Full PDB file with SEQRES, HELIX, SHEET, SSBOND, CRYST1, ORIGX, SCALE, CONECT and MASTER records, all heavy atoms in Angstrom:
SEQRES   1 A   40  VAL ALA VAL ALA ALA ALA ARG LEU GLY ARG ARG THR GLY          
SEQRES   2 A   40  VAL VAL THR LYS VAL GLY ALA ASP GLY PHE GLY ASP TYR          
SEQRES   3 A   40  VAL ARG THR ALA LEU ALA GLY PHE GLU VAL ASP ALA SER          
SEQRES   4 A   40  TYR                                                          
HELIX    1 AA1 ALA A    2  ARG A    7  1                                   6    
HELIX    2 AA2 GLY A   22  GLY A   33  1                                  12    
SHEET    1 AA1 2 THR A  12  GLY A  13  0                                        
SHEET    2 AA1 2 VAL A  36  ASP A  37  1                                        
CRYST1    1.000    1.000    1.000  90.00  90.00  90.00 P 1           1          
ORIGX1      1.000000  0.000000  0.000000        0.00000                         
ORIGX2      0.000000  1.000000  0.000000        0.00000                         
ORIGX3      0.000000  0.000000  1.000000        0.00000                         
SCALE1      1.000000  0.000000  0.000000        0.00000                         
SCALE2      0.000000  1.000000  0.000000        0.00000                         
SCALE3      0.000000  0.000000  1.000000        0.00000                         
ATOM      1  N   VAL A   1     226.430 188.491 158.740  1.00  0.00           N  
ATOM      2  CA  VAL A   1     227.540 189.218 158.121  1.00  0.00           C  
ATOM      3  C   VAL A   1     228.650 189.485 159.135  1.00  0.00           C  
ATOM      4  O   VAL A   1     229.830 189.358 158.872  1.00  0.00           O  
ATOM      5  CB  VAL A   1     227.037 190.523 157.465  1.00  0.00           C  
ATOM      6  CG1 VAL A   1     228.202 191.411 157.003  1.00  0.00           C  
ATOM      7  CG2 VAL A   1     226.145 190.201 156.266  1.00  0.00           C  
ATOM      8  N   ALA A   2     228.220 189.923 160.341  1.00  0.00           N  
ATOM      9  CA  ALA A   2     229.246 190.209 161.373  1.00  0.00           C  
ATOM     10  C   ALA A   2     230.003 188.939 161.750  1.00  0.00           C  
ATOM     11  O   ALA A   2     231.221 188.965 161.956  1.00  0.00           O  
ATOM     12  CB  ALA A   2     228.539 190.793 162.619  1.00  0.00           C  
ATOM     13  N   VAL A   3     229.294 187.809 161.860  1.00  0.00           N  
ATOM     14  CA  VAL A   3     229.985 186.548 162.149  1.00  0.00           C  
ATOM     15  C   VAL A   3     230.919 186.156 161.045  1.00  0.00           C  
ATOM     16  O   VAL A   3     232.054 185.735 161.257  1.00  0.00           O  
ATOM     17  CB  VAL A   3     228.951 185.454 162.423  1.00  0.00           C  
ATOM     18  CG1 VAL A   3     229.617 184.064 162.507  1.00  0.00           C  
ATOM     19  CG2 VAL A   3     228.141 185.714 163.682  1.00  0.00           C  
ATOM     20  N   ALA A   4     230.442 186.337 159.772  1.00  0.00           N  
ATOM     21  CA  ALA A   4     231.287 185.961 158.649  1.00  0.00           C  
ATOM     22  C   ALA A   4     232.592 186.778 158.604  1.00  0.00           C  
ATOM     23  O   ALA A   4     233.650 186.232 158.386  1.00  0.00           O  
ATOM     24  CB  ALA A   4     230.515 186.176 157.309  1.00  0.00           C  
ATOM     25  N   ALA A   5     232.459 188.092 158.904  1.00  0.00           N  
ATOM     26  CA  ALA A   5     233.676 188.923 158.929  1.00  0.00           C  
ATOM     27  C   ALA A   5     234.588 188.550 160.094  1.00  0.00           C  
ATOM     28  O   ALA A   5     235.830 188.549 159.964  1.00  0.00           O  
ATOM     29  CB  ALA A   5     233.282 190.393 159.020  1.00  0.00           C  
ATOM     30  N   ALA A   6     233.987 188.212 161.219  1.00  0.00           N  
ATOM     31  CA  ALA A   6     234.786 187.781 162.366  1.00  0.00           C  
ATOM     32  C   ALA A   6     235.519 186.476 162.093  1.00  0.00           C  
ATOM     33  O   ALA A   6     236.681 186.306 162.497  1.00  0.00           O  
ATOM     34  CB  ALA A   6     233.880 187.618 163.597  1.00  0.00           C  
ATOM     35  N   ARG A   7     234.905 185.568 161.383  1.00  0.00           N  
ATOM     36  CA  ARG A   7     235.533 184.317 161.022  1.00  0.00           C  
ATOM     37  C   ARG A   7     236.753 184.540 160.111  1.00  0.00           C  
ATOM     38  O   ARG A   7     237.687 183.721 160.127  1.00  0.00           O  
ATOM     39  CB  ARG A   7     234.505 183.416 160.324  1.00  0.00           C  
ATOM     40  CG  ARG A   7     234.941 182.001 160.092  1.00  0.00           C  
ATOM     41  CD  ARG A   7     235.139 181.181 161.365  1.00  0.00           C  
ATOM     42  NE  ARG A   7     233.974 181.020 162.168  1.00  0.00           N  
ATOM     43  CZ  ARG A   7     233.033 180.073 161.968  1.00  0.00           C  
ATOM     44  NH1 ARG A   7     233.199 179.196 161.015  1.00  0.00           N  
ATOM     45  NH2 ARG A   7     231.994 180.016 162.745  1.00  0.00           N  
ATOM     46  N   LEU A   8     236.729 185.647 159.413  1.00  0.00           N  
ATOM     47  CA  LEU A   8     237.844 186.024 158.534  1.00  0.00           C  
ATOM     48  C   LEU A   8     238.894 186.870 159.245  1.00  0.00           C  
ATOM     49  O   LEU A   8     239.832 187.374 158.618  1.00  0.00           O  
ATOM     50  CB  LEU A   8     237.326 186.755 157.301  1.00  0.00           C  
ATOM     51  CG  LEU A   8     236.422 185.919 156.408  1.00  0.00           C  
ATOM     52  CD1 LEU A   8     235.754 186.759 155.368  1.00  0.00           C  
ATOM     53  CD2 LEU A   8     237.201 184.763 155.744  1.00  0.00           C  
ATOM     54  N   GLY A   9     238.741 187.051 160.577  1.00  0.00           N  
ATOM     55  CA  GLY A   9     239.732 187.736 161.355  1.00  0.00           C  
ATOM     56  C   GLY A   9     239.468 189.195 161.693  1.00  0.00           C  
ATOM     57  O   GLY A   9     240.325 189.882 162.266  1.00  0.00           O  
ATOM     58  N   ARG A  10     238.234 189.690 161.371  1.00  0.00           N  
ATOM     59  CA  ARG A  10     237.887 191.074 161.632  1.00  0.00           C  
ATOM     60  C   ARG A  10     237.245 191.222 162.998  1.00  0.00           C  
ATOM     61  O   ARG A  10     236.557 190.315 163.474  1.00  0.00           O  
ATOM     62  CB  ARG A  10     236.968 191.584 160.533  1.00  0.00           C  
ATOM     63  CG  ARG A  10     237.591 191.573 159.123  1.00  0.00           C  
ATOM     64  CD  ARG A  10     238.732 192.536 159.058  1.00  0.00           C  
ATOM     65  NE  ARG A  10     239.472 192.445 157.759  1.00  0.00           N  
ATOM     66  CZ  ARG A  10     240.475 193.192 157.451  1.00  0.00           C  
ATOM     67  NH1 ARG A  10     240.921 194.133 158.294  1.00  0.00           N  
ATOM     68  NH2 ARG A  10     241.094 193.059 156.281  1.00  0.00           N  
ATOM     69  N   ARG A  11     237.416 192.399 163.621  1.00  0.00           N  
ATOM     70  CA  ARG A  11     236.741 192.700 164.868  1.00  0.00           C  
ATOM     71  C   ARG A  11     235.389 193.285 164.559  1.00  0.00           C  
ATOM     72  O   ARG A  11     235.270 194.307 163.855  1.00  0.00           O  
ATOM     73  CB  ARG A  11     237.584 193.711 165.713  1.00  0.00           C  
ATOM     74  CG  ARG A  11     238.903 193.166 166.183  1.00  0.00           C  
ATOM     75  CD  ARG A  11     239.731 194.219 166.900  1.00  0.00           C  
ATOM     76  NE  ARG A  11     239.000 194.855 167.994  1.00  0.00           N  
ATOM     77  CZ  ARG A  11     238.655 196.129 168.049  1.00  0.00           C  
ATOM     78  NH1 ARG A  11     238.983 196.949 167.085  1.00  0.00           N  
ATOM     79  NH2 ARG A  11     238.059 196.596 169.129  1.00  0.00           N  
ATOM     80  N   THR A  12     234.303 192.646 165.040  1.00  0.00           N  
ATOM     81  CA  THR A  12     232.974 193.050 164.632  1.00  0.00           C  
ATOM     82  C   THR A  12     232.047 193.132 165.872  1.00  0.00           C  
ATOM     83  O   THR A  12     232.350 192.573 166.916  1.00  0.00           O  
ATOM     84  CB  THR A  12     232.351 192.053 163.654  1.00  0.00           C  
ATOM     85  OG1 THR A  12     232.128 190.785 164.321  1.00  0.00           O  
ATOM     86  CG2 THR A  12     233.263 191.824 162.446  1.00  0.00           C  
ATOM     87  N   GLY A  13     230.963 193.852 165.686  1.00  0.00           N  
ATOM     88  CA  GLY A  13     229.950 193.969 166.721  1.00  0.00           C  
ATOM     89  C   GLY A  13     228.584 194.146 166.036  1.00  0.00           C  
ATOM     90  O   GLY A  13     228.506 194.546 164.827  1.00  0.00           O  
ATOM     91  N   VAL A  14     227.483 193.912 166.765  1.00  0.00           N  
ATOM     92  CA  VAL A  14     226.157 194.036 166.205  1.00  0.00           C  
ATOM     93  C   VAL A  14     225.308 194.958 167.076  1.00  0.00           C  
ATOM     94  O   VAL A  14     225.279 194.813 168.283  1.00  0.00           O  
ATOM     95  CB  VAL A  14     225.450 192.663 166.086  1.00  0.00           C  
ATOM     96  CG1 VAL A  14     224.083 192.800 165.473  1.00  0.00           C  
ATOM     97  CG2 VAL A  14     226.274 191.676 165.328  1.00  0.00           C  
ATOM     98  N   VAL A  15     224.618 195.906 166.411  1.00  0.00           N  
ATOM     99  CA  VAL A  15     223.598 196.725 167.089  1.00  0.00           C  
ATOM    100  C   VAL A  15     222.254 196.083 166.754  1.00  0.00           C  
ATOM    101  O   VAL A  15     221.790 196.102 165.618  1.00  0.00           O  
ATOM    102  CB  VAL A  15     223.611 198.186 166.584  1.00  0.00           C  
ATOM    103  CG1 VAL A  15     222.548 198.998 167.317  1.00  0.00           C  
ATOM    104  CG2 VAL A  15     224.991 198.794 166.772  1.00  0.00           C  
ATOM    105  N   THR A  16     221.622 195.494 167.800  1.00  0.00           N  
ATOM    106  CA  THR A  16     220.345 194.809 167.577  1.00  0.00           C  
ATOM    107  C   THR A  16     219.612 194.688 168.890  1.00  0.00           C  
ATOM    108  O   THR A  16     220.052 195.260 169.902  1.00  0.00           O  
ATOM    109  CB  THR A  16     220.572 193.431 166.915  1.00  0.00           C  
ATOM    110  OG1 THR A  16     219.320 192.873 166.512  1.00  0.00           O  
ATOM    111  CG2 THR A  16     221.273 192.438 167.848  1.00  0.00           C  
ATOM    112  N   LYS A  17     218.492 193.950 168.907  1.00  0.00           N  
ATOM    113  CA  LYS A  17     217.728 193.738 170.123  1.00  0.00           C  
ATOM    114  C   LYS A  17     217.162 192.312 170.109  1.00  0.00           C  
ATOM    115  O   LYS A  17     216.805 191.782 169.056  1.00  0.00           O  
ATOM    116  CB  LYS A  17     216.572 194.716 170.239  1.00  0.00           C  
ATOM    117  CG  LYS A  17     216.867 195.959 171.048  1.00  0.00           C  
ATOM    118  CD  LYS A  17     215.585 196.754 171.254  1.00  0.00           C  
ATOM    119  CE  LYS A  17     215.806 197.991 172.071  1.00  0.00           C  
ATOM    120  NZ  LYS A  17     214.540 198.783 172.241  1.00  0.00           N  
ATOM    121  N   VAL A  18     217.064 191.757 171.311  1.00  0.00           N  
ATOM    122  CA  VAL A  18     216.432 190.419 171.466  1.00  0.00           C  
ATOM    123  C   VAL A  18     215.360 190.537 172.520  1.00  0.00           C  
ATOM    124  O   VAL A  18     215.154 191.579 173.146  1.00  0.00           O  
ATOM    125  CB  VAL A  18     217.490 189.353 171.868  1.00  0.00           C  
ATOM    126  CG1 VAL A  18     218.519 189.182 170.791  1.00  0.00           C  
ATOM    127  CG2 VAL A  18     218.174 189.759 173.213  1.00  0.00           C  
ATOM    128  N   GLY A  19     214.665 189.447 172.785  1.00  0.00           N  
ATOM    129  CA  GLY A  19     213.690 189.400 173.834  1.00  0.00           C  
ATOM    130  C   GLY A  19     214.290 188.976 175.171  1.00  0.00           C  
ATOM    131  O   GLY A  19     215.408 188.432 175.216  1.00  0.00           O  
ATOM    132  N   ALA A  20     213.535 189.177 176.227  1.00  0.00           N  
ATOM    133  CA  ALA A  20     213.965 188.767 177.554  1.00  0.00           C  
ATOM    134  C   ALA A  20     213.585 187.294 177.777  1.00  0.00           C  
ATOM    135  O   ALA A  20     212.725 186.930 178.570  1.00  0.00           O  
ATOM    136  CB  ALA A  20     213.341 189.636 178.633  1.00  0.00           C  
ATOM    137  N   ASP A  21     214.250 186.422 177.009  1.00  0.00           N  
ATOM    138  CA  ASP A  21     213.907 184.999 177.007  1.00  0.00           C  
ATOM    139  C   ASP A  21     215.165 184.174 176.786  1.00  0.00           C  
ATOM    140  O   ASP A  21     216.227 184.699 176.585  1.00  0.00           O  
ATOM    141  CB  ASP A  21     212.813 184.702 175.961  1.00  0.00           C  
ATOM    142  CG  ASP A  21     213.205 185.241 174.570  1.00  0.00           C  
ATOM    143  OD1 ASP A  21     214.354 185.111 174.194  1.00  0.00           O  
ATOM    144  OD2 ASP A  21     212.294 185.753 173.868  1.00  0.00           O  
ATOM    145  N   GLY A  22     215.016 182.888 176.814  1.00  0.00           N  
ATOM    146  CA  GLY A  22     216.130 181.984 176.662  1.00  0.00           C  
ATOM    147  C   GLY A  22     216.763 182.083 175.302  1.00  0.00           C  
ATOM    148  O   GLY A  22     218.010 181.930 175.181  1.00  0.00           O  
ATOM    149  N   PHE A  23     216.011 182.357 174.271  1.00  0.00           N  
ATOM    150  CA  PHE A  23     216.626 182.495 172.963  1.00  0.00           C  
ATOM    151  C   PHE A  23     217.451 183.793 172.894  1.00  0.00           C  
ATOM    152  O   PHE A  23     218.470 183.830 172.198  1.00  0.00           O  
ATOM    153  CB  PHE A  23     215.516 182.533 171.874  1.00  0.00           C  
ATOM    154  CG  PHE A  23     214.945 181.192 171.539  1.00  0.00           C  
ATOM    155  CD1 PHE A  23     213.584 180.961 171.611  1.00  0.00           C  
ATOM    156  CD2 PHE A  23     215.778 180.126 171.172  1.00  0.00           C  
ATOM    157  CE1 PHE A  23     213.069 179.701 171.328  1.00  0.00           C  
ATOM    158  CE2 PHE A  23     215.278 178.880 170.879  1.00  0.00           C  
ATOM    159  CZ  PHE A  23     213.898 178.661 170.952  1.00  0.00           C  
ATOM    160  N   GLY A  24     217.017 184.842 173.597  1.00  0.00           N  
ATOM    161  CA  GLY A  24     217.855 186.038 173.660  1.00  0.00           C  
ATOM    162  C   GLY A  24     219.183 185.755 174.344  1.00  0.00           C  
ATOM    163  O   GLY A  24     220.258 186.236 173.922  1.00  0.00           O  
ATOM    164  N   ASP A  25     219.113 184.955 175.411  1.00  0.00           N  
ATOM    165  CA  ASP A  25     220.349 184.546 176.081  1.00  0.00           C  
ATOM    166  C   ASP A  25     221.254 183.771 175.144  1.00  0.00           C  
ATOM    167  O   ASP A  25     222.492 183.935 175.137  1.00  0.00           O  
ATOM    168  CB  ASP A  25     220.030 183.697 177.319  1.00  0.00           C  
ATOM    169  CG  ASP A  25     219.297 184.464 178.387  1.00  0.00           C  
ATOM    170  OD1 ASP A  25     219.336 185.693 178.416  1.00  0.00           O  
ATOM    171  OD2 ASP A  25     218.596 183.812 179.212  1.00  0.00           O  
ATOM    172  N   TYR A  26     220.648 182.915 174.355  1.00  0.00           N  
ATOM    173  CA  TYR A  26     221.420 182.136 173.383  1.00  0.00           C  
ATOM    174  C   TYR A  26     222.103 183.002 172.364  1.00  0.00           C  
ATOM    175  O   TYR A  26     223.244 182.776 172.029  1.00  0.00           O  
ATOM    176  CB  TYR A  26     220.473 181.132 172.654  1.00  0.00           C  
ATOM    177  CG  TYR A  26     221.084 180.509 171.433  1.00  0.00           C  
ATOM    178  CD1 TYR A  26     222.073 179.529 171.517  1.00  0.00           C  
ATOM    179  CD2 TYR A  26     220.716 180.956 170.142  1.00  0.00           C  
ATOM    180  CE1 TYR A  26     222.654 179.003 170.384  1.00  0.00           C  
ATOM    181  CE2 TYR A  26     221.309 180.420 169.028  1.00  0.00           C  
ATOM    182  CZ  TYR A  26     222.272 179.436 169.136  1.00  0.00           C  
ATOM    183  OH  TYR A  26     222.849 178.892 168.035  1.00  0.00           O  
ATOM    184  N   VAL A  27     221.411 184.051 171.859  1.00  0.00           N  
ATOM    185  CA  VAL A  27     222.004 184.957 170.893  1.00  0.00           C  
ATOM    186  C   VAL A  27     223.279 185.581 171.445  1.00  0.00           C  
ATOM    187  O   VAL A  27     224.346 185.569 170.798  1.00  0.00           O  
ATOM    188  CB  VAL A  27     221.013 186.046 170.496  1.00  0.00           C  
ATOM    189  CG1 VAL A  27     221.740 187.218 169.765  1.00  0.00           C  
ATOM    190  CG2 VAL A  27     219.898 185.503 169.627  1.00  0.00           C  
ATOM    191  N   ARG A  28     223.252 186.049 172.708  1.00  0.00           N  
ATOM    192  CA  ARG A  28     224.455 186.661 173.280  1.00  0.00           C  
ATOM    193  C   ARG A  28     225.584 185.650 173.463  1.00  0.00           C  
ATOM    194  O   ARG A  28     226.743 185.947 173.170  1.00  0.00           O  
ATOM    195  CB  ARG A  28     224.071 187.294 174.641  1.00  0.00           C  
ATOM    196  CG  ARG A  28     223.261 188.557 174.517  1.00  0.00           C  
ATOM    197  CD  ARG A  28     223.126 189.254 175.891  1.00  0.00           C  
ATOM    198  NE  ARG A  28     222.514 190.537 175.763  1.00  0.00           N  
ATOM    199  CZ  ARG A  28     221.203 190.784 175.748  1.00  0.00           C  
ATOM    200  NH1 ARG A  28     220.344 189.758 175.856  1.00  0.00           N  
ATOM    201  NH2 ARG A  28     220.702 191.999 175.586  1.00  0.00           N  
ATOM    202  N   THR A  29     225.204 184.455 173.909  1.00  0.00           N  
ATOM    203  CA  THR A  29     226.215 183.406 174.063  1.00  0.00           C  
ATOM    204  C   THR A  29     226.859 183.031 172.721  1.00  0.00           C  
ATOM    205  O   THR A  29     228.064 182.861 172.621  1.00  0.00           O  
ATOM    206  CB  THR A  29     225.604 182.178 174.724  1.00  0.00           C  
ATOM    207  OG1 THR A  29     225.056 182.549 176.021  1.00  0.00           O  
ATOM    208  CG2 THR A  29     226.621 181.071 174.919  1.00  0.00           C  
ATOM    209  N   ALA A  30     226.017 182.882 171.714  1.00  0.00           N  
ATOM    210  CA  ALA A  30     226.515 182.541 170.400  1.00  0.00           C  
ATOM    211  C   ALA A  30     227.409 183.623 169.842  1.00  0.00           C  
ATOM    212  O   ALA A  30     228.484 183.317 169.284  1.00  0.00           O  
ATOM    213  CB  ALA A  30     225.313 182.273 169.452  1.00  0.00           C  
ATOM    214  N   LEU A  31     227.039 184.869 169.978  1.00  0.00           N  
ATOM    215  CA  LEU A  31     227.859 185.965 169.484  1.00  0.00           C  
ATOM    216  C   LEU A  31     229.228 185.931 170.159  1.00  0.00           C  
ATOM    217  O   LEU A  31     230.314 186.063 169.510  1.00  0.00           O  
ATOM    218  CB  LEU A  31     227.184 187.300 169.744  1.00  0.00           C  
ATOM    219  CG  LEU A  31     226.008 187.620 168.817  1.00  0.00           C  
ATOM    220  CD1 LEU A  31     225.272 188.898 169.316  1.00  0.00           C  
ATOM    221  CD2 LEU A  31     226.473 187.861 167.385  1.00  0.00           C  
ATOM    222  N   ALA A  32     229.229 185.758 171.481  1.00  0.00           N  
ATOM    223  CA  ALA A  32     230.498 185.684 172.215  1.00  0.00           C  
ATOM    224  C   ALA A  32     231.347 184.523 171.705  1.00  0.00           C  
ATOM    225  O   ALA A  32     232.587 184.630 171.567  1.00  0.00           O  
ATOM    226  CB  ALA A  32     230.212 185.514 173.716  1.00  0.00           C  
ATOM    227  N   GLY A  33     230.711 183.408 171.390  1.00  0.00           N  
ATOM    228  CA  GLY A  33     231.452 182.233 170.899  1.00  0.00           C  
ATOM    229  C   GLY A  33     232.080 182.534 169.524  1.00  0.00           C  
ATOM    230  O   GLY A  33     233.111 181.965 169.212  1.00  0.00           O  
ATOM    231  N   PHE A  34     231.457 183.390 168.772  1.00  0.00           N  
ATOM    232  CA  PHE A  34     231.997 183.770 167.458  1.00  0.00           C  
ATOM    233  C   PHE A  34     232.923 184.977 167.558  1.00  0.00           C  
ATOM    234  O   PHE A  34     233.386 185.484 166.505  1.00  0.00           O  
ATOM    235  CB  PHE A  34     230.865 184.067 166.460  1.00  0.00           C  
ATOM    236  CG  PHE A  34     230.077 182.876 166.065  1.00  0.00           C  
ATOM    237  CD1 PHE A  34     228.690 182.871 166.201  1.00  0.00           C  
ATOM    238  CD2 PHE A  34     230.673 181.760 165.525  1.00  0.00           C  
ATOM    239  CE1 PHE A  34     227.921 181.802 165.816  1.00  0.00           C  
ATOM    240  CE2 PHE A  34     229.924 180.660 165.153  1.00  0.00           C  
ATOM    241  CZ  PHE A  34     228.549 180.656 165.298  1.00  0.00           C  
ATOM    242  N   GLU A  35     233.154 185.475 168.750  1.00  0.00           N  
ATOM    243  CA  GLU A  35     233.999 186.640 169.015  1.00  0.00           C  
ATOM    244  C   GLU A  35     233.478 187.900 168.367  1.00  0.00           C  
ATOM    245  O   GLU A  35     234.198 188.744 167.821  1.00  0.00           O  
ATOM    246  CB  GLU A  35     235.466 186.359 168.598  1.00  0.00           C  
ATOM    247  CG  GLU A  35     236.089 185.215 169.371  1.00  0.00           C  
ATOM    248  CD  GLU A  35     237.561 184.996 169.056  1.00  0.00           C  
ATOM    249  OE1 GLU A  35     238.063 185.641 168.092  1.00  0.00           O  
ATOM    250  OE2 GLU A  35     238.199 184.239 169.759  1.00  0.00           O  
ATOM    251  N   VAL A  36     232.138 188.003 168.368  1.00  0.00           N  
ATOM    252  CA  VAL A  36     231.452 189.202 167.897  1.00  0.00           C  
ATOM    253  C   VAL A  36     230.997 189.965 169.141  1.00  0.00           C  
ATOM    254  O   VAL A  36     230.348 189.407 170.060  1.00  0.00           O  
ATOM    255  CB  VAL A  36     230.240 188.865 167.017  1.00  0.00           C  
ATOM    256  CG1 VAL A  36     229.429 190.101 166.629  1.00  0.00           C  
ATOM    257  CG2 VAL A  36     230.700 188.145 165.757  1.00  0.00           C  
ATOM    258  N   ASP A  37     231.277 191.264 169.207  1.00  0.00           N  
ATOM    259  CA  ASP A  37     230.915 192.094 170.374  1.00  0.00           C  
ATOM    260  C   ASP A  37     229.399 192.180 170.533  1.00  0.00           C  
ATOM    261  O   ASP A  37     228.690 192.669 169.581  1.00  0.00           O  
ATOM    262  CB  ASP A  37     231.523 193.477 170.187  1.00  0.00           C  
ATOM    263  CG  ASP A  37     231.418 194.336 171.448  1.00  0.00           C  
ATOM    264  OD1 ASP A  37     230.665 193.952 172.370  1.00  0.00           O  
ATOM    265  OD2 ASP A  37     232.063 195.387 171.470  1.00  0.00           O  
ATOM    266  N   ALA A  38     228.884 191.741 171.639  1.00  0.00           N  
ATOM    267  CA  ALA A  38     227.433 191.798 171.886  1.00  0.00           C  
ATOM    268  C   ALA A  38     227.058 192.910 172.828  1.00  0.00           C  
ATOM    269  O   ALA A  38     225.941 192.974 173.349  1.00  0.00           O  
ATOM    270  CB  ALA A  38     226.964 190.473 172.486  1.00  0.00           C  
ATOM    271  N   SER A  39     227.970 193.883 173.051  1.00  0.00           N  
ATOM    272  CA  SER A  39     227.716 194.998 173.958  1.00  0.00           C  
ATOM    273  C   SER A  39     226.521 195.841 173.534  1.00  0.00           C  
ATOM    274  O   SER A  39     225.900 196.515 174.402  1.00  0.00           O  
ATOM    275  CB  SER A  39     228.944 195.894 174.038  1.00  0.00           C  
ATOM    276  OG  SER A  39     230.081 195.167 174.464  1.00  0.00           O  
ATOM    277  N   TYR A  40     226.217 195.859 172.236  1.00  0.00           N  
ATOM    278  CA  TYR A  40     225.140 196.718 171.724  1.00  0.00           C  
ATOM    279  C   TYR A  40     223.904 195.920 171.367  1.00  0.00           C  
ATOM    280  O   TYR A  40     223.092 196.360 170.602  1.00  0.00           O  
ATOM    281  CB  TYR A  40     225.688 197.487 170.513  1.00  0.00           C  
ATOM    282  CG  TYR A  40     227.046 198.072 170.804  1.00  0.00           C  
ATOM    283  CD1 TYR A  40     228.163 197.602 170.120  1.00  0.00           C  
ATOM    284  CD2 TYR A  40     227.252 199.044 171.771  1.00  0.00           C  
ATOM    285  CE1 TYR A  40     229.427 198.093 170.429  1.00  0.00           C  
ATOM    286  CE2 TYR A  40     228.492 199.544 172.068  1.00  0.00           C  
ATOM    287  CZ  TYR A  40     229.600 199.055 171.389  1.00  0.00           C  
ATOM    288  OH  TYR A  40     230.826 199.528 171.667  1.00  0.00           O  
TER     289      TYR A  40                                                      
MASTER        0    0    0    2    2    0    0    6  288    1    0    4          
END                                                                             
């Protein structure tokens, strides 16, 4: 949902958690690529 809103021009961010693994790194990289704030 956050990515969908960002694609429509909205400033978005996600409060969530990932693991300490390569897939977690991928999540942060992907969010940044979609211009979704991954600070949280």
